[in-house]
Amino acid sequence: MKICVFNLGCKVNKYESDSIARSLREKGHEVICELGKADVYVLNTCAVTNEAERKSRQCVTRCLRLNPAAKVIVAGCASQANAEQFGKKAGVVFVSGVAGKNKIAEEIEKTGISVDPLPTVYEEMETPSVERTRAYVKVQDGCDNFCSYCLIPYLRGRSRSRTEEDVIKECEELSEDTGEIVLTGIDLSSYGKNTGGSLAELIGKLTGINCRIRLGSLEQGVIDDELLSAAASLKKFCPQFHLSLQSGSDAVLKKMNRHYTTDKYFEKVTLIRTYFPEANITTDLICGFPTETEENFGESLAFIEKVGFGQVHVFGYSARKGTVAAKYPLLSPEVVADRCERAQTVANGLHARYLEGLVGKELEVLFEEEHDGYTAGYGREYARVYAKGAATGEIRRVVATELFRDGLLAKITEE
């Protein structure tokens, strides 16, 4: 049977989808992970925003256009939030939620709606096959933060961590076939909190992994000397820190239930740069939160300039039913769109400034794909680099020569 496992959403979802794909292959099925004609579609959905949930619903229609006779199985956050929105759609034969994704390969013939209770312990999954030059390793699930705008804690459950032994074993296995491993989780920063461990302790035990190690999104509270010392002890650590911000206004941060101030956040940025002077610090910024005034928004723009982020993911506020912030009166769509546009302009300038600072410097690049006559990949700092003469899957030393497309043009310095 030909099965398409299609992922929507975050890196954790991607890890889970790749695991499902491997389990299905081991049962003898032909599996594809891009939308194409198939007998069965397994959709791992997302609900982080209204738009993400809408795209998850639309994906069912896209699958049935490719094969009107196909069966569709839906799992993940969007079906956890509202299973009926999928169960009533033609072609959908089975709907589950967040729990039990590790059983999908065993239950491929199952029908109906069966959303299990959210897990209270970490659910192990099959180690995904390495299909790219970069591999994700999921080490944690769930979230205890309950930011006022976020639905994810209600859909993923409370924070729960994978054992160090299982993480290390999987990293050792994957490192034989990939150039880079990214540690990821719904709230990676809380790794170990329910088991008496910590993210710093885990990182310190990965010194024997013979490939690059990158960290997924972090909260500022986890940044301390212990974590940064552990990262610096890795021979192939990638000095990119995606440090979640969401707003540069203390008043808005308080309403978001983010539990820190901009001063505290900046202290953590300064500490990172003490250990890694050329670190690429990236972040997310929500524009148009219901209580955000024009003055608050101006504070956000000034703060992202002060930090000097290498990249800022800008997006507009999306009200999610069931969250505290959903009770607040919304700003007009025009105001939200305008603030997103202005923030993106500042973000584009910051990105260009960061890239300009890399021109003339030697970088280590993991090349991943052919792109219009060039081979493209990412340096340890997560700057996109284009060069000629490299093969996909190779790690090469290059010198950045100029800004190019969405990154840098570079020359290979070693044969």
Protein backbone atom coordinates (compact mmCIF):
# COMPACT_ATOMS: atom_id res chain seq x y z
CA MET A 1 0.00 0.00 0.00
CA LYS A 2 1.26 3.49 -0.85
CA ILE A 3 0.98 5.86 2.10
CA CYS A 4 1.69 9.59 2.25
CA VAL A 5 2.73 10.88 5.69
CA PHE A 6 2.37 14.63 5.48
CA ASN A 7 3.51 17.01 8.19
CA LEU A 8 2.10 20.39 9.10
CA GLY A 9 3.67 22.56 11.78
CA CYS A 10 6.69 22.48 14.03
CA LYS A 11 9.93 20.51 14.19
CA VAL A 12 8.44 18.25 16.88
CA ASN A 13 5.65 17.36 14.47
CA LYS A 14 8.26 16.71 11.78
CA TYR A 15 10.14 14.32 14.04
CA GLU A 16 6.92 12.47 14.81
CA SER A 17 5.92 12.29 11.15
CA ASP A 18 9.32 10.91 10.16
CA SER A 19 8.99 8.31 12.91
CA ILE A 20 5.55 7.27 11.65
CA ALA A 21 6.96 7.01 8.12
CA ARG A 22 9.75 4.70 9.25
CA SER A 23 7.34 2.47 11.16
CA LEU A 24 5.13 2.15 8.09
CA ARG A 25 8.09 1.32 5.84
CA GLU A 26 9.18 -1.38 8.22
CA LYS A 27 5.74 -2.94 7.79
CA GLY A 28 6.32 -3.12 4.03
CA HIS A 29 4.39 -0.07 2.86
CA GLU A 30 5.64 2.35 0.23
CA VAL A 31 5.85 5.72 1.99
CA ILE A 32 6.21 9.26 0.65
CA CYS A 33 6.48 12.42 2.75
CA GLU A 34 5.51 15.01 0.14
CA LEU A 35 1.97 15.35 -1.15
CA GLY A 36 1.47 13.00 -4.07
CA LYS A 37 -0.98 10.34 -5.18
CA ALA A 38 -1.35 7.66 -2.50
CA ASP A 39 -3.83 5.11 -1.21
CA VAL A 40 -3.76 6.47 2.35
CA TYR A 41 -2.82 9.90 3.72
CA VAL A 42 -1.66 10.37 7.31
CA LEU A 43 -1.84 14.05 8.26
CA ASN A 44 0.01 15.29 11.35
CA THR A 45 -1.75 18.59 11.97
CA CYS A 46 -0.95 21.91 13.65
CA ALA A 47 -3.10 24.34 15.65
CA VAL A 48 -0.64 26.97 16.87
CA THR A 49 -2.65 29.66 15.03
CA ASN A 50 -6.06 29.86 13.38
CA GLU A 51 -4.30 29.89 10.03
CA ALA A 52 -2.39 26.69 10.86
CA GLU A 53 -5.64 24.97 11.81
CA ARG A 54 -7.30 26.17 8.61
CA LYS A 55 -4.42 24.81 6.52
CA SER A 56 -4.75 21.48 8.31
CA ARG A 57 -8.41 21.29 7.26
CA GLN A 58 -7.58 22.34 3.71
CA CYS A 59 -4.97 19.60 3.49
CA VAL A 60 -7.68 16.95 3.57
CA THR A 61 -9.19 18.47 0.42
CA ARG A 62 -5.78 18.64 -1.26
CA CYS A 63 -5.22 14.93 -0.59
CA LEU A 64 -8.57 13.92 -2.05
CA ARG A 65 -7.91 15.96 -5.17
CA LEU A 66 -4.83 13.81 -5.72
CA ASN A 67 -6.81 10.62 -5.17
CA PRO A 68 -10.58 10.91 -4.60
CA ALA A 69 -10.69 7.25 -3.54
CA ALA A 70 -8.02 7.64 -0.86
CA LYS A 71 -8.49 7.18 2.85
CA VAL A 72 -7.37 10.04 5.12
CA ILE A 73 -6.14 9.62 8.70
CA VAL A 74 -5.82 12.77 10.82
CA ALA A 75 -3.74 13.17 13.99
CA GLY A 76 -2.04 15.95 15.92
CA CYS A 77 -2.85 19.27 17.52
CA ALA A 78 -5.67 20.44 15.23
CA SER A 79 -7.62 17.23 15.72
CA GLN A 80 -6.85 17.32 19.45
CA ALA A 81 -8.42 20.80 19.54
CA ASN A 82 -11.49 19.76 17.55
CA ALA A 83 -11.79 16.23 16.21
CA GLU A 84 -15.25 16.77 14.74
CA GLN A 85 -13.98 19.33 12.23
CA PHE A 86 -12.15 16.44 10.54
CA GLY A 87 -14.46 13.54 11.38
CA LYS A 88 -17.30 15.05 9.37
CA LYS A 89 -15.16 15.59 6.24
CA ALA A 90 -15.63 13.18 3.34
CA GLY A 91 -12.71 10.80 2.91
CA VAL A 92 -11.55 10.98 6.52
CA VAL A 93 -11.74 7.47 7.98
CA PHE A 94 -9.95 7.90 11.29
CA VAL A 95 -9.22 10.83 13.62
CA SER A 96 -6.93 10.73 16.64
CA GLY A 97 -5.17 13.47 18.60
CA VAL A 98 -1.75 14.06 20.10
CA ALA A 99 -1.46 10.81 22.06
CA GLY A 100 -0.75 7.49 20.40
CA LYS A 101 1.12 8.67 17.30
CA ASN A 102 3.54 5.83 18.01
CA LYS A 103 0.68 3.39 17.31
CA ILE A 104 -0.50 4.76 13.96
CA ALA A 105 1.46 2.23 11.91
CA GLU A 106 -0.20 -0.55 13.89
CA GLU A 107 -3.67 0.95 13.48
CA ILE A 108 -3.58 2.01 9.84
CA GLU A 109 -6.91 0.23 9.21
CA LYS A 110 -8.66 1.79 12.22
CA THR A 111 -11.81 3.87 11.68
CA GLY A 112 -13.86 6.42 13.61
CA ILE A 113 -12.81 9.10 16.09
CA SER A 114 -10.58 8.11 19.00
CA VAL A 115 -8.84 10.97 20.82
CA ASP A 116 -6.99 9.49 23.78
CA PRO A 117 -6.29 11.46 26.99
CA LEU A 118 -3.15 13.56 26.86
CA PRO A 119 -0.05 11.62 27.92
CA THR A 120 1.39 12.16 31.39
CA VAL A 121 4.69 10.46 30.54
CA TYR A 122 6.91 10.76 27.49
CA GLU A 123 5.78 8.52 24.62
CA GLU A 124 8.72 6.90 22.84
CA MET A 125 8.62 6.61 19.06
CA GLU A 126 10.64 4.79 16.43
CA THR A 127 13.92 6.54 15.58
CA PRO A 128 13.19 8.35 12.30
CA SER A 129 15.09 7.43 9.17
CA VAL A 130 17.61 10.07 8.12
CA GLU A 131 16.26 11.51 4.88
CA ARG A 132 18.06 14.85 4.98
CA THR A 133 21.45 16.23 5.92
CA ARG A 134 19.96 17.50 9.20
CA ALA A 135 18.19 15.27 11.72
CA TYR A 136 15.81 16.28 14.51
CA VAL A 137 15.83 14.53 17.87
CA LYS A 138 12.78 15.08 20.04
CA VAL A 139 13.75 15.12 23.72
CA GLN A 140 10.69 16.67 25.38
CA ASP A 141 6.95 17.15 24.93
CA GLY A 142 4.27 19.34 26.51
CA CYS A 143 4.45 22.75 28.17
CA ASP A 144 3.78 24.17 31.64
CA ASN A 145 4.15 27.87 30.76
CA PHE A 146 0.52 28.73 29.87
CA CYS A 147 1.29 31.97 28.05
CA SER A 148 -1.99 33.85 27.81
CA TYR A 149 -2.12 33.69 24.00
CA CYS A 150 -1.08 30.04 23.53
CA LEU A 151 -3.26 26.97 23.15
CA ILE A 152 -0.41 24.44 23.01
CA PRO A 153 -0.30 23.48 26.74
CA TYR A 154 -3.96 22.48 26.45
CA LEU A 155 -3.29 20.41 23.32
CA ARG A 156 0.07 18.84 24.18
CA GLY A 157 -0.31 18.41 27.93
CA ARG A 158 2.16 19.06 30.73
CA SER A 159 5.91 18.97 30.24
CA ARG A 160 7.49 15.53 30.14
CA SER A 161 11.03 14.54 29.24
CA ARG A 162 12.68 11.66 27.49
CA THR A 163 15.40 9.73 29.33
CA GLU A 164 19.00 10.83 28.79
CA GLU A 165 19.89 7.27 27.82
CA ASP A 166 17.34 7.18 24.99
CA VAL A 167 18.35 10.62 23.72
CA ILE A 168 22.05 9.75 23.69
CA LYS A 169 21.41 6.40 22.00
CA GLU A 170 19.36 8.01 19.25
CA CYS A 171 21.93 10.78 18.72
CA GLU A 172 24.69 8.17 18.40
CA GLU A 173 22.64 6.24 15.85
CA LEU A 174 21.69 9.28 13.78
CA SER A 175 25.17 10.85 13.86
CA GLU A 176 26.42 8.05 11.62
CA ASP A 177 24.20 9.24 8.76
CA THR A 178 23.76 12.98 9.22
CA GLY A 179 25.88 16.10 9.45
CA GLU A 180 23.81 17.84 12.10
CA ILE A 181 21.41 16.99 14.91
CA VAL A 182 18.88 19.49 16.23
CA LEU A 183 17.56 18.88 19.75
CA THR A 184 13.92 19.86 19.82
CA GLY A 185 10.85 19.83 22.06
CA ILE A 186 7.61 21.70 22.62
CA ASP A 187 9.39 23.48 25.49
CA LEU A 188 13.01 22.36 25.14
CA SER A 189 14.07 24.59 28.03
CA SER A 190 12.07 22.51 30.51
CA TYR A 191 13.89 19.30 29.61
CA GLY A 192 14.56 17.27 32.76
CA LYS A 193 12.33 19.26 35.11
CA ASN A 194 10.02 16.32 35.70
CA THR A 195 12.88 13.81 36.05
CA GLY A 196 15.38 15.74 38.17
CA GLY A 197 17.69 16.49 35.25
CA SER A 198 18.30 19.54 33.08
CA LEU A 199 19.04 20.54 29.51
CA ALA A 200 22.57 21.56 30.54
CA GLU A 201 23.24 18.07 31.94
CA LEU A 202 21.95 16.45 28.75
CA ILE A 203 24.11 18.64 26.52
CA GLY A 204 27.14 17.86 28.67
CA LYS A 205 26.65 14.15 27.91
CA LEU A 206 26.70 14.61 24.13
CA THR A 207 30.44 15.31 23.86
CA GLY A 208 30.97 11.99 22.08
CA ILE A 209 28.50 12.72 19.28
CA ASN A 210 30.48 13.10 16.07
CA CYS A 211 28.34 15.62 14.23
CA ARG A 212 27.15 19.17 14.69
CA ILE A 213 24.69 19.81 17.53
CA ARG A 214 22.12 22.59 17.36
CA LEU A 215 19.46 23.57 19.90
CA GLY A 216 15.85 24.28 19.10
CA SER A 217 13.85 27.20 20.48
CA LEU A 218 14.75 28.22 24.05
CA GLU A 219 13.22 30.32 26.80
CA GLN A 220 15.43 32.99 28.36
CA GLY A 221 15.15 31.39 31.82
CA VAL A 222 17.26 28.39 30.82
CA ILE A 223 20.23 30.54 29.77
CA ASP A 224 22.90 30.41 32.46
CA ASP A 225 26.60 29.64 32.87
CA GLU A 226 25.96 25.91 33.28
CA LEU A 227 24.07 25.62 29.99
CA LEU A 228 26.50 27.79 28.03
CA SER A 229 29.55 26.01 29.47
CA ALA A 230 28.05 22.67 28.46
CA ALA A 231 27.39 23.97 24.94
CA ALA A 232 30.91 25.36 24.66
CA SER A 233 32.31 21.93 25.62
CA LEU A 234 30.87 20.37 22.44
CA LYS A 235 33.41 20.29 19.63
CA LYS A 236 30.78 20.87 16.96
CA PHE A 237 28.22 23.04 18.71
CA CYS A 238 26.28 25.43 16.47
CA PRO A 239 26.21 28.91 18.10
CA GLN A 240 22.68 29.84 17.10
CA PHE A 241 20.25 30.59 19.92
CA HIS A 242 16.60 30.96 19.04
CA LEU A 243 15.55 32.81 22.18
CA SER A 244 11.79 33.27 22.36
CA LEU A 245 10.83 36.95 22.95
CA GLN A 246 7.26 37.62 21.64
CA SER A 247 7.26 41.30 22.71
CA GLY A 248 9.80 43.97 23.53
CA SER A 249 7.37 45.79 25.84
CA ASP A 250 7.33 44.92 29.54
CA ALA A 251 3.65 45.82 29.81
CA VAL A 252 2.74 43.43 26.99
CA LEU A 253 5.02 40.69 28.32
CA LYS A 254 3.14 40.83 31.61
CA LYS A 255 -0.22 40.49 29.86
CA MET A 256 1.23 37.59 27.85
CA ASN A 257 2.18 35.86 31.14
CA ARG A 258 5.79 35.59 29.96
CA HIS A 259 7.42 35.93 33.44
CA TYR A 260 10.41 38.10 32.51
CA THR A 261 11.26 41.69 31.64
CA THR A 262 13.21 43.06 28.72
CA ASP A 263 16.07 43.88 31.09
CA LYS A 264 16.27 40.25 32.21
CA TYR A 265 16.07 39.06 28.61
CA PHE A 266 18.91 41.40 27.59
CA GLU A 267 21.04 40.08 30.45
CA LYS A 268 20.70 36.59 28.95
CA VAL A 269 21.62 37.86 25.49
CA THR A 270 24.73 39.51 26.95
CA LEU A 271 25.67 36.26 28.69
CA ILE A 272 25.33 34.28 25.47
CA ARG A 273 27.64 36.70 23.69
CA THR A 274 30.18 36.37 26.49
CA TYR A 275 30.53 32.68 25.63
CA PHE A 276 29.84 32.95 21.89
CA PRO A 277 30.75 36.46 20.64
CA GLU A 278 29.53 35.79 17.10
CA ALA A 279 26.40 33.86 18.04
CA ASN A 280 23.37 34.31 15.84
CA ILE A 281 20.54 35.17 18.23
CA THR A 282 17.15 34.76 16.57
CA THR A 283 13.62 35.17 17.90
CA ASP A 284 9.86 35.41 17.36
CA LEU A 285 7.81 38.60 17.63
CA ILE A 286 4.03 38.79 17.95
CA CYS A 287 2.55 41.99 16.58
CA GLY A 288 -0.90 43.26 17.50
CA PHE A 289 -1.45 41.51 20.83
CA PRO A 290 -4.83 42.83 22.09
CA THR A 291 -3.38 45.08 24.81
CA GLU A 292 -0.46 46.35 22.69
CA THR A 293 -0.61 50.13 22.25
CA GLU A 294 1.30 52.04 19.60
CA GLU A 295 3.75 53.04 22.34
CA ASN A 296 4.19 49.40 23.35
CA PHE A 297 4.81 48.46 19.72
CA GLY A 298 7.44 51.19 19.44
CA GLU A 299 9.14 49.72 22.53
CA SER A 300 9.24 46.35 20.77
CA LEU A 301 10.88 47.80 17.67
CA ALA A 302 13.44 49.65 19.78
CA PHE A 303 14.22 46.50 21.77
CA ILE A 304 14.81 44.21 18.79
CA GLU A 305 17.16 46.89 17.43
CA LYS A 306 18.95 47.01 20.79
CA VAL A 307 19.44 43.24 20.87
CA GLY A 308 20.56 43.15 17.25
CA PHE A 309 18.87 39.86 16.34
CA GLY A 310 20.20 37.99 13.35
CA GLN A 311 16.68 37.01 12.36
CA VAL A 312 13.20 37.80 13.65
CA HIS A 313 10.15 35.71 12.79
CA VAL A 314 7.34 38.28 12.67
CA PHE A 315 3.72 37.22 12.85
CA GLY A 316 0.39 38.75 13.77
CA TYR A 317 -1.52 37.84 16.91
CA SER A 318 -4.01 35.01 16.43
CA ALA A 319 -6.77 34.65 19.04
CA ARG A 320 -7.16 31.04 20.17
CA LYS A 321 -10.43 30.10 21.82
CA GLY A 322 -9.85 28.77 25.32
CA THR A 323 -6.88 31.00 26.14
CA VAL A 324 -6.91 33.94 28.55
CA ALA A 325 -6.01 36.45 25.82
CA ALA A 326 -8.97 35.35 23.69
CA LYS A 327 -11.19 37.29 26.12
CA TYR A 328 -9.47 40.59 25.29
CA PRO A 329 -10.91 42.91 22.61
CA LEU A 330 -8.99 42.47 19.36
CA LEU A 331 -7.13 45.21 17.55
CA SER A 332 -8.31 45.85 14.02
CA PRO A 333 -6.84 43.64 11.26
CA GLU A 334 -5.51 46.80 9.61
CA VAL A 335 -3.54 47.77 12.71
CA VAL A 336 -2.14 44.26 13.10
CA ALA A 337 -1.13 44.10 9.43
CA ASP A 338 0.50 47.52 9.59
CA ARG A 339 2.54 46.59 12.65
CA CYS A 340 3.62 43.32 11.07
CA GLU A 341 4.78 45.16 7.98
CA ARG A 342 6.74 47.74 9.99
CA ALA A 343 8.29 45.08 12.20
CA GLN A 344 9.27 43.03 9.15
CA THR A 345 11.05 46.03 7.69
CA VAL A 346 13.14 46.35 10.85
CA ALA A 347 13.71 42.59 10.92
CA ASN A 348 14.93 42.61 7.32
CA GLY A 349 17.42 45.31 8.18
CA LEU A 350 18.69 43.39 11.21
CA HIS A 351 19.10 40.24 9.13
CA ALA A 352 21.08 42.08 6.46
CA ARG A 353 23.25 43.70 9.14
CA TYR A 354 24.04 40.32 10.67
CA LEU A 355 24.95 38.83 7.30
CA GLU A 356 27.15 41.82 6.47
CA GLY A 357 29.10 41.11 9.65
CA LEU A 358 29.95 37.64 8.30
CA VAL A 359 31.36 38.86 4.97
CA GLY A 360 35.07 38.09 4.80
CA LYS A 361 34.88 35.49 7.56
CA GLU A 362 35.49 31.77 7.29
CA LEU A 363 32.43 29.62 7.89
CA GLU A 364 31.79 25.90 8.16
CA VAL A 365 28.82 25.04 5.96
CA LEU A 366 26.72 21.91 5.77
CA PHE A 367 25.54 21.86 2.14
CA GLU A 368 22.04 20.50 1.71
CA GLU A 369 20.58 21.16 -1.73
CA GLU A 370 21.24 22.21 -5.32
CA HIS A 371 19.74 25.59 -6.09
CA ASP A 372 19.94 27.29 -9.52
CA GLY A 373 23.55 26.36 -10.23
CA TYR A 374 24.75 26.70 -6.64
CA THR A 375 24.87 24.34 -3.69
CA ALA A 376 23.13 25.87 -0.68
CA GLY A 377 23.42 25.11 3.01
CA TYR A 378 23.83 26.59 6.47
CA GLY A 379 26.81 27.57 8.56
CA ARG A 380 26.97 26.73 12.22
CA GLU A 381 25.48 30.18 12.90
CA TYR A 382 22.49 29.30 10.68
CA ALA A 383 23.28 31.81 7.98
CA ARG A 384 22.25 30.49 4.56
CA VAL A 385 25.25 30.14 2.24
CA TYR A 386 25.55 29.57 -1.52
CA ALA A 387 28.70 28.29 -3.20
CA LYS A 388 29.88 26.41 -6.28
CA GLY A 389 31.92 23.23 -6.15
CA ALA A 390 30.32 21.60 -3.11
CA ALA A 391 28.24 18.42 -3.06
CA THR A 392 25.09 17.96 -0.99
CA GLY A 393 25.80 16.34 2.35
CA GLU A 394 29.32 17.75 2.54
CA ILE A 395 30.63 20.02 5.27
CA ARG A 396 33.11 22.48 3.77
CA ARG A 397 35.06 25.51 4.92
CA VAL A 398 34.18 28.64 2.96
CA VAL A 399 34.81 32.38 3.04
CA ALA A 400 31.75 34.59 2.69
CA THR A 401 32.27 37.17 -0.06
CA GLU A 402 29.00 39.13 -0.30
CA LEU A 403 25.29 39.20 0.46
CA PHE A 404 23.45 36.98 -2.00
CA ARG A 405 19.75 36.16 -2.33
CA ASP A 406 18.52 35.30 1.19
CA GLY A 407 22.01 34.72 2.57
CA LEU A 408 25.66 34.85 1.55
CA LEU A 409 27.75 33.97 -1.48
CA ALA A 410 30.94 32.17 -0.55
CA LYS A 411 34.08 30.55 -1.96
CA ILE A 412 35.29 27.14 -0.81
CA THR A 413 38.68 27.41 0.89
CA GLU A 414 39.62 23.73 1.06
CA GLU A 415 39.58 20.86 -1.43
